[in-house]
C-alpha atoms as a PDB file:
ATOM      1  CA  MET A   1     134.878  96.444 127.537  1.00  0.00           C
ATOM      2  CA  ASN A   2     137.299  99.323 126.589  1.00  0.00           C
ATOM      3  CA  ARG A   3     136.694 100.707 123.225  1.00  0.00           C
ATOM      4  CA  ASN A   4     139.531 101.930 121.356  1.00  0.00           C
ATOM      5  CA  SER A   5     138.867 105.650 121.029  1.00  0.00           C
ATOM      6  CA  GLY A   6     140.428 105.833 117.559  1.00  0.00           C
ATOM      7  CA  ARG A   7     138.021 103.058 115.973  1.00  0.00           C
ATOM      8  CA  THR A   8     135.259 104.285 113.581  1.00  0.00           C
ATOM      9  CA  TRP A   9     132.384 102.964 114.399  1.00  0.00           C
ATOM     10  CA  ILE A  10     129.798 101.453 111.655  1.00  0.00           C
ATOM     11  CA  ASN A  11     126.300 100.452 111.617  1.00  0.00           C
ATOM     12  CA  PHE A  12     127.035  98.009 109.160  1.00  0.00           C
ATOM     13  CA  LYS A  13     123.351  96.906 108.536  1.00  0.00           C
ATOM     14  CA  GLU A  14     122.171 100.529 107.426  1.00  0.00           C
ATOM     15  CA  LEU A  15     125.828 100.773 105.371  1.00  0.00           C
ATOM     16  CA  ARG A  16     124.490  97.933 103.242  1.00  0.00           C
ATOM     17  CA  GLU A  17     121.019  99.505 102.890  1.00  0.00           C
ATOM     18  CA  ARG A  18     122.563 102.662 101.510  1.00  0.00           C
ATOM     19  CA  LEU A  19     125.063 101.177  99.287  1.00  0.00           C
ATOM     20  CA  ARG A  20     124.220 101.501  95.531  1.00  0.00           C
ATOM     21  CA  PHE A  21     125.988  99.239  93.402  1.00  0.00           C
ATOM     22  CA  GLY A  22     126.178 101.681  90.523  1.00  0.00           C
ATOM     23  CA  ASP A  23     127.964 104.127  92.806  1.00  0.00           C
ATOM     24  CA  VAL A  24     130.515 100.998  94.088  1.00  0.00           C
ATOM     25  CA  LEU A  25     131.188 100.001  90.538  1.00  0.00           C
ATOM     26  CA  ARG A  26     132.010 103.643  89.917  1.00  0.00           C
ATOM     27  CA  HIS A  27     133.916 103.872  92.688  1.00  0.00           C
ATOM     28  CA  TYR A  28     136.340 101.436  91.061  1.00  0.00           C
ATOM     29  CA  GLY A  29     136.408 103.320  87.687  1.00  0.00           C
ATOM     30  CA  ILE A  30     133.754 100.455  86.034  1.00  0.00           C
ATOM     31  CA  GLU A  31     131.629 101.762  83.612  1.00  0.00           C
ATOM     32  CA  VAL A  32     128.110 101.164  84.453  1.00  0.00           C
ATOM     33  CA  ARG A  33     126.107  99.383  81.050  1.00  0.00           C
ATOM     34  CA  ARG A  34     122.370  99.476  82.564  1.00  0.00           C
ATOM     35  CA  ARG A  35     119.697  97.495  80.777  1.00  0.00           C
ATOM     36  CA  GLY A  36     116.532  97.987  83.099  1.00  0.00           C
ATOM     37  CA  ASP A  37     118.084  96.614  86.773  1.00  0.00           C
ATOM     38  CA  GLN A  38     120.932  94.774  85.281  1.00  0.00           C
ATOM     39  CA  HIS A  39     124.735  95.866  84.528  1.00  0.00           C
ATOM     40  CA  GLN A  40     126.682  93.299  82.270  1.00  0.00           C
ATOM     41  CA  GLY A  41     129.878  93.331  80.889  1.00  0.00           C
ATOM     42  CA  PRO A  42     133.532  91.929  81.704  1.00  0.00           C
ATOM     43  CA  CYS A  43     134.546  90.503  85.033  1.00  0.00           C
ATOM     44  CA  PRO A  44     136.312  93.174  87.020  1.00  0.00           C
ATOM     45  CA  LEU A  45     137.635  91.115  89.782  1.00  0.00           C
ATOM     46  CA  PRO A  46     141.297  90.806  90.115  1.00  0.00           C
ATOM     47  CA  GLY A  47     140.830  86.825  90.763  1.00  0.00           C
ATOM     48  CA  HIS A  48     138.851  86.418  87.421  1.00  0.00           C
ATOM     49  CA  THR A  49     140.178  83.438  86.148  1.00  0.00           C
ATOM     50  CA  SER A  50     138.127  82.636  83.090  1.00  0.00           C
ATOM     51  CA  ARG A  51     138.444  84.537  79.360  1.00  0.00           C
ATOM     52  CA  LYS A  52     139.071  88.053  79.780  1.00  0.00           C
ATOM     53  CA  GLY A  53     136.832  90.656  78.328  1.00  0.00           C
ATOM     54  CA  ALA A  54     133.739  87.969  77.944  1.00  0.00           C
ATOM     55  CA  PRO A  55     130.531  89.509  79.338  1.00  0.00           C
ATOM     56  CA  SER A  56     129.997  86.920  82.099  1.00  0.00           C
ATOM     57  CA  PHE A  57     129.677  89.496  84.833  1.00  0.00           C
ATOM     58  CA  SER A  58     126.196  90.775  86.252  1.00  0.00           C
ATOM     59  CA  ALA A  59     125.055  92.803  88.571  1.00  0.00           C
ATOM     60  CA  ASN A  60     121.154  93.709  89.561  1.00  0.00           C
ATOM     61  CA  LEU A  61     121.798  97.220  90.634  1.00  0.00           C
ATOM     62  CA  GLU A  62     118.181  96.944  92.663  1.00  0.00           C
ATOM     63  CA  ARG A  63     118.679  94.207  94.540  1.00  0.00           C
ATOM     64  CA  GLY A  64     122.615  95.001  95.248  1.00  0.00           C
ATOM     65  CA  ILE A  65     124.034  91.614  94.098  1.00  0.00           C
ATOM     66  CA  PHE A  66     126.372  90.299  91.435  1.00  0.00           C
ATOM     67  CA  GLN A  67     127.530  87.151  89.930  1.00  0.00           C
ATOM     68  CA  CYS A  68     130.299  86.109  87.298  1.00  0.00           C
ATOM     69  CA  PHE A  69     129.414  83.494  85.127  1.00  0.00           C
ATOM     70  CA  GLY A  70     132.881  82.542  84.501  1.00  0.00           C
ATOM     71  CA  CYS A  71     134.988  82.753  87.780  1.00  0.00           C
ATOM     72  CA  GLY A  72     131.587  81.784  89.880  1.00  0.00           C
ATOM     73  CA  ALA A  73     131.963  84.829  92.323  1.00  0.00           C
ATOM     74  CA  LYS A  74     128.901  86.038  93.429  1.00  0.00           C
ATOM     75  CA  GLY A  75     127.613  88.032  96.383  1.00  0.00           C
ATOM     76  CA  ASN A  76     126.402  91.759  97.440  1.00  0.00           C
ATOM     77  CA  ALA A  77     127.834  95.159  97.299  1.00  0.00           C
ATOM     78  CA  LEU A  78     130.292  95.047 100.209  1.00  0.00           C
ATOM     79  CA  GLU A  79     131.573  91.516  99.045  1.00  0.00           C
ATOM     80  CA  PHE A  80     132.179  92.963  95.641  1.00  0.00           C
ATOM     81  CA  ALA A  81     134.013  95.670  97.079  1.00  0.00           C
ATOM     82  CA  CYS A  82     135.890  93.255  99.231  1.00  0.00           C
ATOM     83  CA  LEU A  83     137.055  90.934  96.251  1.00  0.00           C
ATOM     84  CA  MET A  84     138.275  94.022  94.194  1.00  0.00           C
ATOM     85  CA  GLU A  85     140.392  94.994  97.463  1.00  0.00           C
ATOM     86  CA  GLY A  86     141.840  91.298  97.886  1.00  0.00           C
ATOM     87  CA  ALA A  87     140.031  91.257 101.129  1.00  0.00           C
ATOM     88  CA  ASP A  88     139.398  87.851 102.603  1.00  0.00           C
ATOM     89  CA  LEU A  89     135.426  87.175 103.033  1.00  0.00           C
ATOM     90  CA  GLY A  90     136.436  85.182 106.438  1.00  0.00           C
ATOM     91  CA  ASP A  91     138.142  88.060 108.036  1.00  0.00           C
ATOM     92  CA  GLY A  92     136.431  90.765 109.889  1.00  0.00           C
ATOM     93  CA  ASN A  93     138.898  92.925 110.168  1.00  0.00           C
ATOM     94  CA  ALA A  94     140.031  93.084 106.069  1.00  0.00           C
ATOM     95  CA  ILE A  95     135.970  93.330 105.608  1.00  0.00           C
ATOM     96  CA  ARG A  96     135.874  96.153 108.062  1.00  0.00           C
ATOM     97  CA  LYS A  97     138.697  98.480 106.273  1.00  0.00           C
ATOM     98  CA  VAL A  98     136.631  97.876 103.209  1.00  0.00           C
ATOM     99  CA  ALA A  99     133.510  99.562 104.584  1.00  0.00           C
ATOM    100  CA  ILE A 100     135.449 102.104 106.465  1.00  0.00           C
ATOM    101  CA  LYS A 101     136.751 102.824 103.168  1.00  0.00           C
ATOM    102  CA  LEU A 102     133.353 102.682 101.508  1.00  0.00           C
ATOM    103  CA  GLN A 103     131.808 104.915 104.082  1.00  0.00           C
ATOM    104  CA  GLN A 104     134.672 107.566 103.517  1.00  0.00           C
ATOM    105  CA  ALA A 105     134.707 107.795  99.832  1.00  0.00           C
ATOM    106  CA  LEU A 106     131.022 107.291  99.119  1.00  0.00           C
ATOM    107  CA  PHE A 107     129.224 109.511 102.170  1.00  0.00           C
ATOM    108  CA  THR A 108     131.604 111.551 102.898  1.00  0.00           C
ATOM    109  CA  GLU A 109     129.788 114.547 103.039  1.00  0.00           C
ATOM    110  CA  ASP A 110     127.447 112.988 105.447  1.00  0.00           C
ATOM    111  CA  ALA A 111     130.332 112.361 107.780  1.00  0.00           C
ATOM    112  CA  LYS A 112     131.326 115.652 107.824  1.00  0.00           C
ATOM    113  CA  GLU A 113     128.135 116.416 109.560  1.00  0.00           C
ATOM    114  CA  GLN A 114     128.646 114.162 112.308  1.00  0.00           C
ATOM    115  CA  PRO A 115     129.811 115.013 115.811  1.00  0.00           C
ATOM    116  CA  LYS A 116     133.745 113.978 115.847  1.00  0.00           C
ATOM    117  CA  GLY A 117     134.148 110.223 116.599  1.00  0.00           C
ATOM    118  CA  LYS A 118     130.538 109.629 114.777  1.00  0.00           C
ATOM    119  CA  SER A 119     129.912 107.682 111.643  1.00  0.00           C
ATOM    120  CA  ALA A 120     127.547 108.830 109.049  1.00  0.00           C
ATOM    121  CA  MET A 121     125.179 106.299 110.274  1.00  0.00           C
ATOM    122  CA  PRO A 122     124.823 105.882 113.918  1.00  0.00           C
ATOM    123  CA  ALA A 123     123.241 102.956 115.404  1.00  0.00           C
ATOM    124  CA  ARG A 124     119.666 103.010 116.269  1.00  0.00           C
ATOM    125  CA  PRO A 125     118.443 102.941 120.073  1.00  0.00           C
ATOM    126  CA  ALA A 126     117.374  99.225 120.921  1.00  0.00           C
ATOM    127  CA  VAL A 127     114.039 100.116 122.077  1.00  0.00           C
ATOM    128  CA  GLU A 128     112.514 102.988 120.530  1.00  0.00           C
ATOM    129  CA  PRO A 129     110.391 105.193 123.337  1.00  0.00           C
ATOM    130  CA  LYS A 130     106.613 104.920 123.294  1.00  0.00           C
ATOM    131  CA  GLY A 131     105.120 107.038 125.981  1.00  0.00           C
ATOM    132  CA  PRO A 132     106.450 106.649 129.258  1.00  0.00           C
ATOM    133  CA  ALA A 133     109.970 105.154 129.695  1.00  0.00           C
ATOM    134  CA  ALA A 134     110.183 101.353 129.758  1.00  0.00           C
ATOM    135  CA  VAL A 135     111.783  98.552 131.528  1.00  0.00           C
ATOM    136  CA  VAL A 136     113.497  96.581 129.502  1.00  0.00           C
ATOM    137  CA  ASN A 137     114.228  92.612 129.993  1.00  0.00           C
ATOM    138  CA  ALA A 138     112.909  92.802 133.819  1.00  0.00           C
ATOM    139  CA  PRO A 139     112.972  89.269 135.190  1.00  0.00           C
ATOM    140  CA  LEU A 140     110.097  87.362 135.566  1.00  0.00           C
ATOM    141  CA  ASP A 141     108.021  86.770 138.614  1.00  0.00           C
ATOM    142  CA  PHE A 142     106.612  83.214 137.127  1.00  0.00           C
ATOM    143  CA  GLU A 143     107.713  79.958 135.117  1.00  0.00           C
ATOM    144  CA  LEU A 144     105.807  78.239 132.481  1.00  0.00           C
ATOM    145  CA  LYS A 145     104.837  74.961 134.456  1.00  0.00           C
ATOM    146  CA  HIS A 146     103.856  71.676 132.252  1.00  0.00           C
ATOM    147  CA  LEU A 147     106.175  71.895 129.090  1.00  0.00           C
ATOM    148  CA  GLU A 148     106.318  68.477 127.613  1.00  0.00           C
ATOM    149  CA  HIS A 149     110.163  67.916 126.978  1.00  0.00           C
ATOM    150  CA  VAL A 150     109.246  64.679 125.394  1.00  0.00           C
ATOM    151  CA  HIS A 151     106.897  65.571 122.649  1.00  0.00           C
ATOM    152  CA  PRO A 152     106.999  64.788 118.824  1.00  0.00           C
ATOM    153  CA  SER A 153     108.239  68.585 117.666  1.00  0.00           C
ATOM    154  CA  LEU A 154     111.185  68.168 119.570  1.00  0.00           C
ATOM    155  CA  THR A 155     111.889  64.488 119.301  1.00  0.00           C
ATOM    156  CA  GLY A 156     110.978  64.399 116.045  1.00  0.00           C
ATOM    157  CA  ARG A 157     113.874  66.708 115.449  1.00  0.00           C
ATOM    158  CA  GLY A 158     116.373  64.509 116.795  1.00  0.00           C
ATOM    159  CA  PHE A 159     116.585  66.348 120.363  1.00  0.00           C
ATOM    160  CA  GLU A 160     116.965  64.060 123.598  1.00  0.00           C
ATOM    161  CA  HIS A 161     114.964  64.358 126.373  1.00  0.00           C
ATOM    162  CA  ARG A 162     118.332  65.250 128.604  1.00  0.00           C
ATOM    163  CA  THR A 163     118.877  68.201 125.864  1.00  0.00           C
ATOM    164  CA  ASN A 164     115.647  69.449 126.371  1.00  0.00           C
ATOM    165  CA  ALA A 165     115.592  69.461 129.849  1.00  0.00           C
ATOM    166  CA  HIS A 166     118.870  71.296 130.139  1.00  0.00           C
ATOM    167  CA  PHE A 167     117.679  74.271 128.477  1.00  0.00           C
ATOM    168  CA  GLY A 168     114.116  73.993 130.018  1.00  0.00           C
ATOM    169  CA  VAL A 169     112.361  73.992 126.298  1.00  0.00           C
ATOM    170  CA  GLY A 170     109.291  72.023 126.081  1.00  0.00           C
ATOM    171  CA  PHE A 171     105.814  71.811 124.115  1.00  0.00           C
ATOM    172  CA  CYS A 172     103.394  74.291 125.580  1.00  0.00           C
ATOM    173  CA  SER A 173      99.457  73.361 125.317  1.00  0.00           C
ATOM    174  CA  ARG A 174      98.316  76.529 126.397  1.00  0.00           C
ATOM    175  CA  GLY A 175      98.607  80.284 126.789  1.00  0.00           C
ATOM    176  CA  LEU A 176      99.977  82.784 124.491  1.00  0.00           C
ATOM    177  CA  LEU A 177     102.538  79.927 123.116  1.00  0.00           C
ATOM    178  CA  GLY A 178     100.189  77.581 123.085  1.00  0.00           C
ATOM    179  CA  GLY A 179     100.619  74.720 120.084  1.00  0.00           C
ATOM    180  CA  ARG A 180     104.507  76.111 120.057  1.00  0.00           C
ATOM    181  CA  ILE A 181     107.877  74.973 121.998  1.00  0.00           C
ATOM    182  CA  ALA A 182     108.330  77.275 124.440  1.00  0.00           C
ATOM    183  CA  ILE A 183     112.185  78.348 125.324  1.00  0.00           C
ATOM    184  CA  PRO A 184     113.402  80.293 127.956  1.00  0.00           C
ATOM    185  CA  ILE A 185     115.651  83.291 128.021  1.00  0.00           C
ATOM    186  CA  HIS A 186     118.076  84.379 130.108  1.00  0.00           C
ATOM    187  CA  ASP A 187     119.855  87.543 130.999  1.00  0.00           C
ATOM    188  CA  HIS A 188     123.430  87.567 131.373  1.00  0.00           C
ATOM    189  CA  ASP A 189     123.106  87.012 135.301  1.00  0.00           C
ATOM    190  CA  GLY A 190     121.015  83.998 134.566  1.00  0.00           C
ATOM    191  CA  ARG A 191     117.732  85.534 135.474  1.00  0.00           C
ATOM    192  CA  LEU A 192     114.495  84.457 133.776  1.00  0.00           C
ATOM    193  CA  VAL A 193     113.565  87.720 131.426  1.00  0.00           C
ATOM    194  CA  GLY A 194     110.999  86.074 129.031  1.00  0.00           C
ATOM    195  CA  TYR A 195     109.783  83.146 126.794  1.00  0.00           C
ATOM    196  CA  ALA A 196     110.099  82.651 123.017  1.00  0.00           C
ATOM    197  CA  GLY A 197     108.030  80.433 121.221  1.00  0.00           C
ATOM    198  CA  MET A 198     108.662  78.450 118.116  1.00  0.00           C
ATOM    199  CA  VAL A 199     106.606  76.362 115.606  1.00  0.00           C
ATOM    200  CA  ALA A 200     106.052  73.186 116.320  1.00  0.00           C
ATOM    201  CA  ASP A 201     106.081  71.948 112.591  1.00  0.00           C
ATOM    202  CA  ASP A 202     108.817  74.700 110.234  1.00  0.00           C
ATOM    203  CA  GLY A 203     106.488  73.304 107.597  1.00  0.00           C
ATOM    204  CA  ALA A 204     103.635  75.524 108.920  1.00  0.00           C
ATOM    205  CA  VAL A 205     105.614  78.719 109.069  1.00  0.00           C
ATOM    206  CA  SER A 206     103.726  81.691 106.887  1.00  0.00           C
ATOM    207  CA  GLU A 207     103.367  85.371 106.954  1.00  0.00           C
ATOM    208  CA  GLY A 208     101.003  84.790 109.493  1.00  0.00           C
ATOM    209  CA  ASN A 209     102.608  82.358 111.636  1.00  0.00           C
ATOM    210  CA  PRO A 210     106.024  83.225 111.944  1.00  0.00           C
ATOM    211  CA  ARG A 211     108.761  80.992 113.054  1.00  0.00           C
ATOM    212  CA  TYR A 212     109.308  82.817 116.448  1.00  0.00           C
ATOM    213  CA  LEU A 213     107.181  84.361 118.756  1.00  0.00           C
ATOM    214  CA  PHE A 214     108.756  87.009 121.075  1.00  0.00           C
ATOM    215  CA  PRO A 215     107.099  88.603 124.398  1.00  0.00           C
ATOM    216  CA  PRO A 216     105.207  91.520 123.463  1.00  0.00           C
ATOM    217  CA  GLU A 217     105.227  94.468 125.166  1.00  0.00           C
ATOM    218  CA  ARG A 218     102.818  94.819 128.496  1.00  0.00           C
ATOM    219  CA  VAL A 219     101.802  96.923 131.130  1.00  0.00           C
ATOM    220  CA  ARG A 220     101.884  96.081 134.757  1.00  0.00           C
ATOM    221  CA  GLU A 221     100.407  98.510 137.495  1.00  0.00           C
ATOM    222  CA  GLY A 222     100.953 101.591 135.056  1.00  0.00           C
ATOM    223  CA  VAL A 223     104.717 100.265 134.199  1.00  0.00           C
ATOM    224  CA  ARG A 224     105.409  99.340 130.805  1.00  0.00           C
ATOM    225  CA  HIS A 225     107.780  96.185 130.090  1.00  0.00           C
ATOM    226  CA  ALA A 226     109.372  95.780 127.128  1.00  0.00           C
ATOM    227  CA  PHE A 227     111.550  92.770 125.696  1.00  0.00           C
ATOM    228  CA  ASP A 228     114.425  93.727 123.751  1.00  0.00           C
ATOM    229  CA  ARG A 229     116.614  90.293 122.370  1.00  0.00           C
ATOM    230  CA  SER A 230     119.389  92.670 121.070  1.00  0.00           C
ATOM    231  CA  LEU A 231     120.747  92.998 124.551  1.00  0.00           C
ATOM    232  CA  LEU A 232     120.688  89.373 125.315  1.00  0.00           C
ATOM    233  CA  LEU A 233     122.963  86.391 124.174  1.00  0.00           C
ATOM    234  CA  TYR A 234     121.016  83.436 124.215  1.00  0.00           C
ATOM    235  CA  ASN A 235     122.667  80.371 126.618  1.00  0.00           C
ATOM    236  CA  GLY A 236     125.281  82.977 127.075  1.00  0.00           C
ATOM    237  CA  HIS A 237     124.975  82.492 130.885  1.00  0.00           C
ATOM    238  CA  ARG A 238     125.710  78.965 130.825  1.00  0.00           C
ATOM    239  CA  VAL A 239     129.179  79.313 129.019  1.00  0.00           C
ATOM    240  CA  LYS A 240     131.697  79.008 131.017  1.00  0.00           C
ATOM    241  CA  GLY A 241     133.950  81.798 130.296  1.00  0.00           C
ATOM    242  CA  PRO A 242     136.359  82.870 129.727  1.00  0.00           C
ATOM    243  CA  CYS A 243     136.695  80.052 127.091  1.00  0.00           C
ATOM    244  CA  ASP A 244     139.121  79.559 124.111  1.00  0.00           C
ATOM    245  CA  ASP A 245     136.390  78.888 121.742  1.00  0.00           C
ATOM    246  CA  LEU A 246     132.850  80.273 121.159  1.00  0.00           C
ATOM    247  CA  ILE A 247     130.364  79.088 118.365  1.00  0.00           C
ATOM    248  CA  VAL A 248     128.025  82.233 117.305  1.00  0.00           C
ATOM    249  CA  VAL A 249     124.664  81.042 115.838  1.00  0.00           C
ATOM    250  CA  ARG A 250     121.255  82.576 114.917  1.00  0.00           C
ATOM    251  CA  ASP A 251     118.726  80.222 116.256  1.00  0.00           C
ATOM    252  CA  PHE A 252     118.109  78.376 119.367  1.00  0.00           C
ATOM    253  CA  ASP A 253     117.799  75.038 118.091  1.00  0.00           C
ATOM    254  CA  SER A 254     121.235  75.299 116.620  1.00  0.00           C
ATOM    255  CA  VAL A 255     122.659  76.200 120.333  1.00  0.00           C
ATOM    256  CA  TRP A 256     120.566  72.854 121.529  1.00  0.00           C
ATOM    257  CA  TRP A 257     122.072  70.519 118.361  1.00  0.00           C
ATOM    258  CA  LEU A 258     125.560  72.082 118.868  1.00  0.00           C
ATOM    259  CA  ARG A 259     125.814  71.048 122.874  1.00  0.00           C
ATOM    260  CA  GLN A 260     123.991  67.767 122.439  1.00  0.00           C
ATOM    261  CA  SER A 261     126.936  66.823 119.827  1.00  0.00           C
ATOM    262  CA  GLY A 262     129.415  67.919 122.172  1.00  0.00           C
ATOM    263  CA  PHE A 263     129.922  71.918 121.416  1.00  0.00           C
ATOM    264  CA  PRO A 264     128.467  73.583 124.528  1.00  0.00           C
ATOM    265  CA  SER A 265     129.896  76.869 124.395  1.00  0.00           C
ATOM    266  CA  ALA A 266     127.581  78.317 121.707  1.00  0.00           C
ATOM    267  CA  VAL A 267     125.357  81.189 121.468  1.00  0.00           C
ATOM    268  CA  ALA A 268     122.557  82.504 119.418  1.00  0.00           C
ATOM    269  CA  LEU A 269     121.729  86.474 118.464  1.00  0.00           C
ATOM    270  CA  MET A 270     117.967  85.694 117.774  1.00  0.00           C
ATOM    271  CA  GLY A 271     118.225  88.009 114.822  1.00  0.00           C
ATOM    272  CA  THR A 272     120.562  88.621 111.772  1.00  0.00           C
ATOM    273  CA  GLU A 273     122.067  92.061 113.704  1.00  0.00           C
ATOM    274  CA  CYS A 274     124.840  91.908 115.994  1.00  0.00           C
ATOM    275  CA  SER A 275     124.105  94.848 118.274  1.00  0.00           C
ATOM    276  CA  GLU A 276     126.704  96.579 120.635  1.00  0.00           C
ATOM    277  CA  ARG A 277     125.845  94.955 123.731  1.00  0.00           C
ATOM    278  CA  GLN A 278     125.820  91.431 122.402  1.00  0.00           C
ATOM    279  CA  VAL A 279     129.414  92.500 120.967  1.00  0.00           C
ATOM    280  CA  GLU A 280     130.562  93.246 124.679  1.00  0.00           C
ATOM    281  CA  LEU A 281     128.984  90.171 126.019  1.00  0.00           C
ATOM    282  CA  ILE A 282     130.799  87.901 123.111  1.00  0.00           C
ATOM    283  CA  VAL A 283     134.136  89.262 124.200  1.00  0.00           C
ATOM    284  CA  SER A 284     133.273  88.765 127.811  1.00  0.00           C
ATOM    285  CA  LEU A 285     133.003  85.018 127.551  1.00  0.00           C
ATOM    286  CA  LEU A 286     136.439  84.641 125.585  1.00  0.00           C
ATOM    287  CA  LYS A 287     140.066  84.651 126.475  1.00  0.00           C
ATOM    288  CA  PRO A 288     142.247  87.566 124.932  1.00  0.00           C
ATOM    289  CA  THR A 289     143.625  84.847 122.636  1.00  0.00           C
ATOM    290  CA  GLY A 290     140.132  82.799 122.118  1.00  0.00           C
ATOM    291  CA  ARG A 291     138.777  82.314 118.748  1.00  0.00           C
ATOM    292  CA  ILE A 292     134.748  83.230 117.628  1.00  0.00           C
ATOM    293  CA  TRP A 293     133.358  80.821 115.075  1.00  0.00           C
ATOM    294  CA  VAL A 294     130.405  82.465 113.169  1.00  0.00           C
ATOM    295  CA  MET A 295     128.073  79.518 111.764  1.00  0.00           C
ATOM    296  CA  THR A 296     125.772  80.554 109.282  1.00  0.00           C
ATOM    297  CA  GLU A 297     124.175  79.347 106.297  1.00  0.00           C
ATOM    298  CA  ARG A 298     124.831  80.924 102.649  1.00  0.00           C
ATOM    299  CA  ASN A 299     121.564  82.948 102.242  1.00  0.00           C
ATOM    300  CA  THR A 300     120.787  86.651 102.955  1.00  0.00           C
ATOM    301  CA  PRO A 301     120.251  86.312 106.925  1.00  0.00           C
ATOM    302  CA  GLY A 302     123.280  83.859 107.206  1.00  0.00           C
ATOM    303  CA  ASP A 303     125.176  86.470 105.183  1.00  0.00           C
ATOM    304  CA  GLU A 304     124.047  89.464 107.127  1.00  0.00           C
ATOM    305  CA  LEU A 305     124.679  87.927 110.692  1.00  0.00           C
ATOM    306  CA  ALA A 306     128.346  86.698 109.723  1.00  0.00           C
ATOM    307  CA  GLN A 307     129.002  90.351 108.376  1.00  0.00           C
ATOM    308  CA  SER A 308     127.956  91.873 111.510  1.00  0.00           C
ATOM    309  CA  VAL A 309     129.648  89.763 114.026  1.00  0.00           C
ATOM    310  CA  LEU A 310     133.025  89.570 111.756  1.00  0.00           C
ATOM    311  CA  MET A 311     133.002  93.441 111.235  1.00  0.00           C
ATOM    312  CA  GLN A 312     132.373  94.423 114.818  1.00  0.00           C
ATOM    313  CA  VAL A 313     133.939  91.837 116.960  1.00  0.00           C
ATOM    314  CA  SER A 314     137.074  90.852 114.844  1.00  0.00           C
ATOM    315  CA  THR A 315     139.116  94.392 116.658  1.00  0.00           C
ATOM    316  CA  HIS A 316     138.317  92.651 119.795  1.00  0.00           C
ATOM    317  CA  ARG A 317     138.853  88.724 119.307  1.00  0.00           C
ATOM    318  CA  SER A 318     139.753  86.597 116.406  1.00  0.00           C
ATOM    319  CA  VAL A 319     137.032  85.668 114.217  1.00  0.00           C
ATOM    320  CA  ARG A 320     136.231  83.097 111.396  1.00  0.00           C
ATOM    321  CA  ARG A 321     133.108  82.157 109.666  1.00  0.00           C
ATOM    322  CA  VAL A 322     132.029  78.342 108.949  1.00  0.00           C
ATOM    323  CA  ALA A 323     129.932  79.183 106.004  1.00  0.00           C
ATOM    324  CA  LEU A 324     127.431  76.217 105.747  1.00  0.00           C
ATOM    325  CA  GLU A 325     125.524  75.788 102.250  1.00  0.00           C
ATOM    326  CA  ARG A 326     122.933  77.331 100.971  1.00  0.00           C
ATOM    327  CA  ASN A 327     119.954  77.306 103.489  1.00  0.00           C
ATOM    328  CA  GLN A 328     121.955  74.750 105.455  1.00  0.00           C
ATOM    329  CA  GLN A 329     121.416  74.666 109.361  1.00  0.00           C
ATOM    330  CA  PRO A 330     123.698  73.160 111.901  1.00  0.00           C
ATOM    331  CA  THR A 331     120.946  70.945 112.916  1.00  0.00           C
ATOM    332  CA  ASP A 332     121.218  69.414 109.422  1.00  0.00           C
ATOM    333  CA  MET A 333     124.961  67.922 110.345  1.00  0.00           C
ATOM    334  CA  THR A 334     126.324  65.116 112.532  1.00  0.00           C
ATOM    335  CA  GLY A 335     128.332  65.583 115.457  1.00  0.00           C
ATOM    336  CA  GLU A 336     131.419  64.111 113.329  1.00  0.00           C
ATOM    337  CA  GLN A 337     130.786  66.807 110.440  1.00  0.00           C
ATOM    338  CA  LEU A 338     130.453  69.553 112.884  1.00  0.00           C
ATOM    339  CA  LYS A 339     133.524  68.466 114.565  1.00  0.00           C
ATOM    340  CA  ALA A 340     135.265  68.255 111.256  1.00  0.00           C
ATOM    341  CA  ARG A 341     134.051  71.878 110.344  1.00  0.00           C
ATOM    342  CA  PHE A 342     135.565  73.203 113.514  1.00  0.00           C
ATOM    343  CA  SER A 343     139.284  71.758 112.802  1.00  0.00           C
ATOM    344  CA  VAL A 344     140.386  74.128 110.142  1.00  0.00           C
END
């Protein structure tokens, strides 16, 4: 993918982490009235429709979130800045322009110290070196056998046998992924590079039992092997590109459900941050006039994923967010409901 040499690169995850709501408020000429962690006062948003001057606006300066109990606006510091600038929160280019403006205004000294063409917050390397160099996402020389494509952990969620067989997913009864749903992961060329394990029962998720397990680092014959999901797009190798429309989600099962519901061109980031490599892969799957639909729930992980894709991919292709209800997943929707969301 040819990048625009004049494009300012931003690591949006680090920008969100560095932004302080008090600094953002002061940037827009708003006097910070602090009571503990809270700022309260009249709503400064241009689109505020309730009674002017009423102290309906509240911002948690430590958590970096706000809400107006008058006009109903809420979100994080970057979304607040977008609303102040009149930017459409569904337009990645508009959000990116506001992010650049904030970075230049609030972190100018950091930016001056960077080499030309670099931002104040360079992207972190995908895999941090630990001793000898690692072989990353090497093709596996084995496949898991005897996975149960028809199992209550899958059929109970509404997945049909043909869907499970298409993706090669099934309940695993032994080994590292024993008691979980095993999910084959392929690289862009279709080579099997690892298996993820999803809990068989979402109600069993806990701090010691995460929803997903990814391949651990291992050493074979003196060579360190590492798995890096940020260099992959789940299901990307099956998408018949370049296509007109591509749906981007976070989770594996959302991809399965979308295909079963008639939307085969869907990929998952397997996380909340879109890496440079994933940007390249997404763009490669689309026609120049193609559209990207980012389908995420309204909560912190969903918002982070949507912003990451919107702000990084929108300079290359048209991007729109399909915002679901708080904590709602594509798997909670019928085929007709999904079709209605993509018809706008």
